[in-house]
Amino acid sequence: MLVDGFPTGGLAANCYVLAPGRGGECVVVDPGEGADRGLAELLERHSLRPVAVLLTHGHADHTFAVAPVCGAHDIPAYIHSDDRILLTEPWRALGPVGREIYGQLEMTEPDEVRELTDGTVIEAAGLQLRVTHTPGHTGGCVIFGADGAEGAVLMTGDLLFRDGIGRTDLPGGSEEAMRNSLARVLAFDDAAMVFPGHGPATTIGRERAHNPYLRGLAASPTKGL
């Protein structure tokens, strides 16, 4: 499986492309601010054509370029129903300061938006991507999982980072929900590759052993979800 990406915007949110290999269709994950420019270079480098945009959650640093990317390629966007409102009203996720930052922007949805729920399987670009609802950072956070040649590939958004996790103190966040979601993702095998919303890639095994936020947390595929 081909997974490649680059950081976008002032918060360096990772935008990724996933494909079975070079020279075919792909999906785009989390096109943040300015992603349309970097994405064009990445698509040309690998001779790829996007067929869908997948959003791990609704925060603007991960969704800022979703409408232009979808519009340029005439493709749908996928987002959990609980976060869909953030596509047009991103300040809701940041409280009063959010309206100061985004309140003057006219944010629009892509022409086609498909809502996700826990357990949804997206078949696109020759891939099968399983959706796991993982609230805690926002109410509509999800991870996307696919089977690669060497094990599972997980796009974890702002749930799980290398040596860290997403914050829970913004509107829609919940520390309890975050712990339940982290317990669920720990049910994946140690070899599962983690491509987070910020920072470098890692594995479930490495985070299980070294991430301080996971200490004492037992894997639970269904706990609280």
C-alpha atoms as a PDB file:
ATOM      1  CA  MET A   1       0.000   0.000   0.000  1.00  0.00           C
ATOM      2  CA  LEU A   2       1.184   3.491  -0.816  1.00  0.00           C
ATOM      3  CA  VAL A   3       0.838   6.042   2.000  1.00  0.00           C
ATOM      4  CA  ASP A   4       2.381   9.467   1.562  1.00  0.00           C
ATOM      5  CA  GLY A   5       1.669  12.850   3.075  1.00  0.00           C
ATOM      6  CA  PHE A   6       2.798  16.307   4.067  1.00  0.00           C
ATOM      7  CA  PRO A   7       2.053  18.866   6.825  1.00  0.00           C
ATOM      8  CA  THR A   8      -0.382  21.700   6.099  1.00  0.00           C
ATOM      9  CA  GLY A   9      -1.030  25.124   7.578  1.00  0.00           C
ATOM     10  CA  GLY A  10       0.239  26.786  10.723  1.00  0.00           C
ATOM     11  CA  LEU A  11      -0.651  23.787  12.923  1.00  0.00           C
ATOM     12  CA  ALA A  12       1.120  21.311  10.606  1.00  0.00           C
ATOM     13  CA  ALA A  13      -1.848  18.985  10.230  1.00  0.00           C
ATOM     14  CA  ASN A  14      -0.929  15.987   8.104  1.00  0.00           C
ATOM     15  CA  CYS A  15      -2.636  15.464   4.764  1.00  0.00           C
ATOM     16  CA  TYR A  16      -2.259  11.974   3.301  1.00  0.00           C
ATOM     17  CA  VAL A  17      -2.959  10.016   0.149  1.00  0.00           C
ATOM     18  CA  LEU A  18      -3.641   6.263   0.261  1.00  0.00           C
ATOM     19  CA  ALA A  19      -3.590   3.951  -2.732  1.00  0.00           C
ATOM     20  CA  PRO A  20      -2.864   0.315  -3.593  1.00  0.00           C
ATOM     21  CA  GLY A  21       0.208   1.600  -5.427  1.00  0.00           C
ATOM     22  CA  ARG A  22       1.433   4.169  -7.925  1.00  0.00           C
ATOM     23  CA  GLY A  23      -0.401   5.036 -11.091  1.00  0.00           C
ATOM     24  CA  GLY A  24      -4.082   4.695 -10.237  1.00  0.00           C
ATOM     25  CA  GLU A  25      -6.831   5.901  -7.965  1.00  0.00           C
ATOM     26  CA  CYS A  26      -6.318   7.123  -4.395  1.00  0.00           C
ATOM     27  CA  VAL A  27      -8.155   8.624  -1.459  1.00  0.00           C
ATOM     28  CA  VAL A  28      -7.130  11.835   0.280  1.00  0.00           C
ATOM     29  CA  VAL A  29      -7.224  12.139   4.072  1.00  0.00           C
ATOM     30  CA  ASP A  30      -7.561  15.485   5.905  1.00  0.00           C
ATOM     31  CA  PRO A  31      -6.740  18.241   3.391  1.00  0.00           C
ATOM     32  CA  GLY A  32      -5.909  21.140   5.700  1.00  0.00           C
ATOM     33  CA  GLU A  33      -4.985  24.736   4.954  1.00  0.00           C
ATOM     34  CA  GLY A  34      -3.077  24.994   1.682  1.00  0.00           C
ATOM     35  CA  ALA A  35      -3.367  21.255   1.025  1.00  0.00           C
ATOM     36  CA  ASP A  36      -4.667  21.773  -2.503  1.00  0.00           C
ATOM     37  CA  ARG A  37      -1.246  23.058  -3.589  1.00  0.00           C
ATOM     38  CA  GLY A  38       0.860  20.347  -1.935  1.00  0.00           C
ATOM     39  CA  LEU A  39      -1.622  17.690  -2.961  1.00  0.00           C
ATOM     40  CA  ALA A  40      -1.255  18.515  -6.656  1.00  0.00           C
ATOM     41  CA  GLU A  41       2.494  17.878  -6.398  1.00  0.00           C
ATOM     42  CA  LEU A  42       1.968  14.598  -4.533  1.00  0.00           C
ATOM     43  CA  LEU A  43      -0.592  13.332  -7.033  1.00  0.00           C
ATOM     44  CA  GLU A  44       1.702  14.124  -9.944  1.00  0.00           C
ATOM     45  CA  ARG A  45       4.680  12.465  -8.239  1.00  0.00           C
ATOM     46  CA  HIS A  46       2.810   9.176  -7.829  1.00  0.00           C
ATOM     47  CA  SER A  47       0.580   9.463 -10.943  1.00  0.00           C
ATOM     48  CA  LEU A  48      -2.563   9.239  -8.801  1.00  0.00           C
ATOM     49  CA  ARG A  49      -6.150  10.352  -9.262  1.00  0.00           C
ATOM     50  CA  PRO A  50      -8.265  10.997  -6.135  1.00  0.00           C
ATOM     51  CA  VAL A  51     -11.750   9.529  -5.900  1.00  0.00           C
ATOM     52  CA  ALA A  52     -12.733  10.594  -2.361  1.00  0.00           C
ATOM     53  CA  VAL A  53     -11.705  12.758   0.591  1.00  0.00           C
ATOM     54  CA  LEU A  54     -11.857  11.213   4.065  1.00  0.00           C
ATOM     55  CA  LEU A  55     -11.999  13.437   7.147  1.00  0.00           C
ATOM     56  CA  THR A  56     -10.917  12.103  10.529  1.00  0.00           C
ATOM     57  CA  HIS A  57     -12.790  14.950  12.246  1.00  0.00           C
ATOM     58  CA  GLY A  58     -14.136  18.410  11.641  1.00  0.00           C
ATOM     59  CA  HIS A  59     -11.445  20.754  12.976  1.00  0.00           C
ATOM     60  CA  ALA A  60     -10.512  23.354  10.374  1.00  0.00           C
ATOM     61  CA  ASP A  61      -6.792  22.531  10.412  1.00  0.00           C
ATOM     62  CA  HIS A  62      -7.815  19.163   8.901  1.00  0.00           C
ATOM     63  CA  THR A  63     -10.700  20.296   6.661  1.00  0.00           C
ATOM     64  CA  PHE A  64      -9.796  23.779   5.431  1.00  0.00           C
ATOM     65  CA  ALA A  65      -9.214  22.734   1.809  1.00  0.00           C
ATOM     66  CA  VAL A  66     -11.861  20.016   1.557  1.00  0.00           C
ATOM     67  CA  ALA A  67     -14.247  22.031  -0.626  1.00  0.00           C
ATOM     68  CA  PRO A  68     -11.627  23.130  -3.185  1.00  0.00           C
ATOM     69  CA  VAL A  69     -10.058  19.658  -3.342  1.00  0.00           C
ATOM     70  CA  CYS A  70     -13.423  17.956  -3.821  1.00  0.00           C
ATOM     71  CA  GLY A  71     -14.504  20.585  -6.321  1.00  0.00           C
ATOM     72  CA  ALA A  72     -11.338  20.329  -8.389  1.00  0.00           C
ATOM     73  CA  HIS A  73     -11.729  16.561  -8.782  1.00  0.00           C
ATOM     74  CA  ASP A  74     -15.544  16.249  -8.566  1.00  0.00           C
ATOM     75  CA  ILE A  75     -15.354  13.786  -5.670  1.00  0.00           C
ATOM     76  CA  PRO A  76     -17.281  13.301  -2.402  1.00  0.00           C
ATOM     77  CA  ALA A  77     -16.142  13.987   1.154  1.00  0.00           C
ATOM     78  CA  TYR A  78     -16.771  11.601   4.049  1.00  0.00           C
ATOM     79  CA  ILE A  79     -17.198  12.843   7.628  1.00  0.00           C
ATOM     80  CA  HIS A  80     -18.920  11.576  10.762  1.00  0.00           C
ATOM     81  CA  SER A  81     -22.413  12.993  11.194  1.00  0.00           C
ATOM     82  CA  ASP A  82     -21.532  14.548  14.580  1.00  0.00           C
ATOM     83  CA  ASP A  83     -18.830  16.745  13.019  1.00  0.00           C
ATOM     84  CA  ARG A  84     -20.516  17.691   9.753  1.00  0.00           C
ATOM     85  CA  ILE A  85     -21.654  21.069  11.096  1.00  0.00           C
ATOM     86  CA  LEU A  86     -18.005  22.058  11.528  1.00  0.00           C
ATOM     87  CA  LEU A  87     -17.538  22.127   7.757  1.00  0.00           C
ATOM     88  CA  THR A  88     -19.584  25.323   7.604  1.00  0.00           C
ATOM     89  CA  GLU A  89     -19.277  26.581  11.201  1.00  0.00           C
ATOM     90  CA  PRO A  90     -15.733  25.703  12.315  1.00  0.00           C
ATOM     91  CA  TRP A  91     -15.805  28.147  15.236  1.00  0.00           C
ATOM     92  CA  ARG A  92     -18.180  25.798  17.085  1.00  0.00           C
ATOM     93  CA  ALA A  93     -15.194  23.568  17.909  1.00  0.00           C
ATOM     94  CA  LEU A  94     -13.063  26.343  19.376  1.00  0.00           C
ATOM     95  CA  GLY A  95     -15.406  28.340  21.600  1.00  0.00           C
ATOM     96  CA  PRO A  96     -15.411  32.174  21.640  1.00  0.00           C
ATOM     97  CA  VAL A  97     -11.888  32.474  20.232  1.00  0.00           C
ATOM     98  CA  GLY A  98     -12.942  30.351  17.296  1.00  0.00           C
ATOM     99  CA  ARG A  99     -15.483  32.886  16.110  1.00  0.00           C
ATOM    100  CA  GLU A 100     -12.770  35.553  16.155  1.00  0.00           C
ATOM    101  CA  ILE A 101     -10.534  33.345  13.984  1.00  0.00           C
ATOM    102  CA  TYR A 102     -13.097  31.863  11.598  1.00  0.00           C
ATOM    103  CA  GLY A 103     -16.222  33.955  12.038  1.00  0.00           C
ATOM    104  CA  GLN A 104     -15.473  36.184   9.053  1.00  0.00           C
ATOM    105  CA  LEU A 105     -14.826  33.269   6.692  1.00  0.00           C
ATOM    106  CA  GLU A 106     -17.532  31.881   4.453  1.00  0.00           C
ATOM    107  CA  MET A 107     -16.967  28.147   4.777  1.00  0.00           C
ATOM    108  CA  THR A 108     -18.871  25.825   2.449  1.00  0.00           C
ATOM    109  CA  GLU A 109     -19.398  22.103   2.183  1.00  0.00           C
ATOM    110  CA  PRO A 110     -18.301  20.156  -0.864  1.00  0.00           C
ATOM    111  CA  ASP A 111     -21.118  19.442  -3.318  1.00  0.00           C
ATOM    112  CA  GLU A 112     -21.377  15.862  -2.042  1.00  0.00           C
ATOM    113  CA  VAL A 113     -20.927  14.936   1.627  1.00  0.00           C
ATOM    114  CA  ARG A 114     -21.437  11.378   2.857  1.00  0.00           C
ATOM    115  CA  GLU A 115     -21.903  10.832   6.584  1.00  0.00           C
ATOM    116  CA  LEU A 116     -20.013   8.128   8.454  1.00  0.00           C
ATOM    117  CA  THR A 117     -21.046   5.941  11.364  1.00  0.00           C
ATOM    118  CA  ASP A 118     -19.143   3.382  13.401  1.00  0.00           C
ATOM    119  CA  GLY A 119     -18.482   0.256  11.355  1.00  0.00           C
ATOM    120  CA  THR A 120     -18.963   1.864   7.951  1.00  0.00           C
ATOM    121  CA  VAL A 121     -16.810   0.250   5.248  1.00  0.00           C
ATOM    122  CA  ILE A 122     -15.745   2.577   2.451  1.00  0.00           C
ATOM    123  CA  GLU A 123     -14.784   0.892  -0.797  1.00  0.00           C
ATOM    124  CA  ALA A 124     -12.790   3.322  -2.904  1.00  0.00           C
ATOM    125  CA  ALA A 125      -9.627   3.342  -5.032  1.00  0.00           C
ATOM    126  CA  GLY A 126      -9.350  -0.437  -4.733  1.00  0.00           C
ATOM    127  CA  LEU A 127      -9.218  -0.184  -0.922  1.00  0.00           C
ATOM    128  CA  GLN A 128     -11.536  -1.245   1.860  1.00  0.00           C
ATOM    129  CA  LEU A 129     -11.399   1.289   4.689  1.00  0.00           C
ATOM    130  CA  ARG A 130     -13.121   0.453   7.964  1.00  0.00           C
ATOM    131  CA  VAL A 131     -14.446   3.331  10.040  1.00  0.00           C
ATOM    132  CA  THR A 132     -14.126   3.254  13.820  1.00  0.00           C
ATOM    133  CA  HIS A 133     -15.888   6.029  15.744  1.00  0.00           C
ATOM    134  CA  THR A 134     -13.402   7.366  18.313  1.00  0.00           C
ATOM    135  CA  PRO A 135     -14.861  10.432  20.068  1.00  0.00           C
ATOM    136  CA  GLY A 136     -12.890  12.358  22.662  1.00  0.00           C
ATOM    137  CA  HIS A 137     -11.076  15.057  20.695  1.00  0.00           C
ATOM    138  CA  THR A 138     -14.361  15.918  18.981  1.00  0.00           C
ATOM    139  CA  GLY A 139     -17.678  14.120  19.080  1.00  0.00           C
ATOM    140  CA  GLY A 140     -17.274  12.931  15.504  1.00  0.00           C
ATOM    141  CA  CYS A 141     -13.661  11.752  15.444  1.00  0.00           C
ATOM    142  CA  VAL A 142     -13.055   8.552  13.499  1.00  0.00           C
ATOM    143  CA  ILE A 143     -10.098   6.467  12.457  1.00  0.00           C
ATOM    144  CA  PHE A 144      -9.783   4.763   9.084  1.00  0.00           C
ATOM    145  CA  GLY A 145      -8.251   1.303   8.940  1.00  0.00           C
ATOM    146  CA  ALA A 146      -7.071  -0.685   5.932  1.00  0.00           C
ATOM    147  CA  ASP A 147      -5.184  -3.950   5.527  1.00  0.00           C
ATOM    148  CA  GLY A 148      -1.662  -3.549   4.174  1.00  0.00           C
ATOM    149  CA  ALA A 149       0.834  -6.212   3.155  1.00  0.00           C
ATOM    150  CA  GLU A 150       2.593  -5.953   6.534  1.00  0.00           C
ATOM    151  CA  GLY A 151      -0.478  -5.409   8.706  1.00  0.00           C
ATOM    152  CA  ALA A 152      -3.131  -2.818   9.390  1.00  0.00           C
ATOM    153  CA  VAL A 153      -2.705   0.814   8.373  1.00  0.00           C
ATOM    154  CA  LEU A 154      -4.519   3.285  10.641  1.00  0.00           C
ATOM    155  CA  MET A 155      -5.242   6.935   9.961  1.00  0.00           C
ATOM    156  CA  THR A 156      -5.803   8.111  13.533  1.00  0.00           C
ATOM    157  CA  GLY A 157      -6.323  11.853  13.089  1.00  0.00           C
ATOM    158  CA  ASP A 158      -6.075  13.600  16.441  1.00  0.00           C
ATOM    159  CA  LEU A 159      -6.838  10.530  18.531  1.00  0.00           C
ATOM    160  CA  LEU A 160      -3.331   9.068  18.827  1.00  0.00           C
ATOM    161  CA  PHE A 161       0.065  10.613  18.080  1.00  0.00           C
ATOM    162  CA  ARG A 162       3.626   9.419  18.586  1.00  0.00           C
ATOM    163  CA  ASP A 163       4.079   9.902  22.356  1.00  0.00           C
ATOM    164  CA  GLY A 164       0.828  11.845  22.665  1.00  0.00           C
ATOM    165  CA  ILE A 165      -2.917  12.062  22.180  1.00  0.00           C
ATOM    166  CA  GLY A 166      -5.383  14.718  21.081  1.00  0.00           C
ATOM    167  CA  ARG A 167      -6.554  17.406  23.486  1.00  0.00           C
ATOM    168  CA  THR A 168      -9.971  17.059  25.107  1.00  0.00           C
ATOM    169  CA  ASP A 169     -10.547  20.572  26.461  1.00  0.00           C
ATOM    170  CA  LEU A 170     -12.211  22.092  23.380  1.00  0.00           C
ATOM    171  CA  PRO A 171     -15.989  22.122  22.758  1.00  0.00           C
ATOM    172  CA  GLY A 172     -17.086  18.593  21.874  1.00  0.00           C
ATOM    173  CA  GLY A 173     -14.122  17.031  23.659  1.00  0.00           C
ATOM    174  CA  SER A 174     -14.377  14.521  26.488  1.00  0.00           C
ATOM    175  CA  GLU A 175     -11.603  12.961  28.577  1.00  0.00           C
ATOM    176  CA  GLU A 176     -13.727   9.920  29.386  1.00  0.00           C
ATOM    177  CA  ALA A 177     -14.664   9.370  25.742  1.00  0.00           C
ATOM    178  CA  MET A 178     -11.009   9.776  24.774  1.00  0.00           C
ATOM    179  CA  ARG A 179      -9.913   7.040  27.163  1.00  0.00           C
ATOM    180  CA  ASN A 180     -12.616   4.727  25.850  1.00  0.00           C
ATOM    181  CA  SER A 181     -11.577   5.426  22.265  1.00  0.00           C
ATOM    182  CA  LEU A 182      -7.888   4.865  23.041  1.00  0.00           C
ATOM    183  CA  ALA A 183      -8.782   1.546  24.657  1.00  0.00           C
ATOM    184  CA  ARG A 184     -10.548   0.597  21.485  1.00  0.00           C
ATOM    185  CA  VAL A 185      -7.646   1.451  19.186  1.00  0.00           C
ATOM    186  CA  LEU A 186      -5.299  -0.542  21.429  1.00  0.00           C
ATOM    187  CA  ALA A 187      -7.168  -3.658  20.326  1.00  0.00           C
ATOM    188  CA  PHE A 188      -5.224  -3.477  17.045  1.00  0.00           C
ATOM    189  CA  ASP A 189      -2.077  -5.576  16.715  1.00  0.00           C
ATOM    190  CA  ASP A 190       1.281  -4.113  17.711  1.00  0.00           C
ATOM    191  CA  ALA A 191       2.389  -4.152  14.063  1.00  0.00           C
ATOM    192  CA  ALA A 192      -0.402  -1.818  12.969  1.00  0.00           C
ATOM    193  CA  MET A 193       1.050   1.340  11.426  1.00  0.00           C
ATOM    194  CA  VAL A 194      -0.302   4.625  12.799  1.00  0.00           C
ATOM    195  CA  PHE A 195      -0.400   7.711  10.587  1.00  0.00           C
ATOM    196  CA  PRO A 196      -1.507  10.510  12.917  1.00  0.00           C
ATOM    197  CA  GLY A 197      -3.020  13.915  12.279  1.00  0.00           C
ATOM    198  CA  HIS A 198       0.172  15.636  13.486  1.00  0.00           C
ATOM    199  CA  GLY A 199       3.765  14.472  13.707  1.00  0.00           C
ATOM    200  CA  PRO A 200       5.567  11.338  12.505  1.00  0.00           C
ATOM    201  CA  ALA A 201       4.192   7.866  11.896  1.00  0.00           C
ATOM    202  CA  THR A 202       4.417   5.227  14.597  1.00  0.00           C
ATOM    203  CA  THR A 203       3.009   1.805  15.482  1.00  0.00           C
ATOM    204  CA  ILE A 204       0.475   0.574  17.990  1.00  0.00           C
ATOM    205  CA  GLY A 205       3.193  -1.515  19.624  1.00  0.00           C
ATOM    206  CA  ARG A 206       5.502   1.445  20.114  1.00  0.00           C
ATOM    207  CA  GLU A 207       2.738   3.575  21.598  1.00  0.00           C
ATOM    208  CA  ARG A 208       1.557   0.762  23.830  1.00  0.00           C
ATOM    209  CA  ALA A 209       5.102   0.545  25.228  1.00  0.00           C
ATOM    210  CA  HIS A 210       6.137   4.205  25.358  1.00  0.00           C
ATOM    211  CA  ASN A 211       3.181   6.585  25.144  1.00  0.00           C
ATOM    212  CA  PRO A 212       2.651   7.954  28.689  1.00  0.00           C
ATOM    213  CA  TYR A 213      -1.051   8.579  28.045  1.00  0.00           C
ATOM    214  CA  LEU A 214      -1.670   4.875  27.438  1.00  0.00           C
ATOM    215  CA  ARG A 215      -0.158   3.571  30.691  1.00  0.00           C
ATOM    216  CA  GLY A 216      -2.545   1.331  32.544  1.00  0.00           C
ATOM    217  CA  LEU A 217      -5.048   1.361  29.688  1.00  0.00           C
ATOM    218  CA  ALA A 218      -6.301  -2.062  28.628  1.00  0.00           C
ATOM    219  CA  ALA A 219      -7.390  -2.814  25.085  1.00  0.00           C
ATOM    220  CA  SER A 220     -11.147  -2.987  24.652  1.00  0.00           C
ATOM    221  CA  PRO A 221     -12.714  -3.218  21.184  1.00  0.00           C
ATOM    222  CA  THR A 222     -16.151  -2.151  22.418  1.00  0.00           C
ATOM    223  CA  LYS A 223     -15.568  -0.275  25.652  1.00  0.00           C
ATOM    224  CA  GLY A 224     -17.839   2.758  25.847  1.00  0.00           C
ATOM    225  CA  LEU A 225     -18.612   2.720  22.115  1.00  0.00           C
END
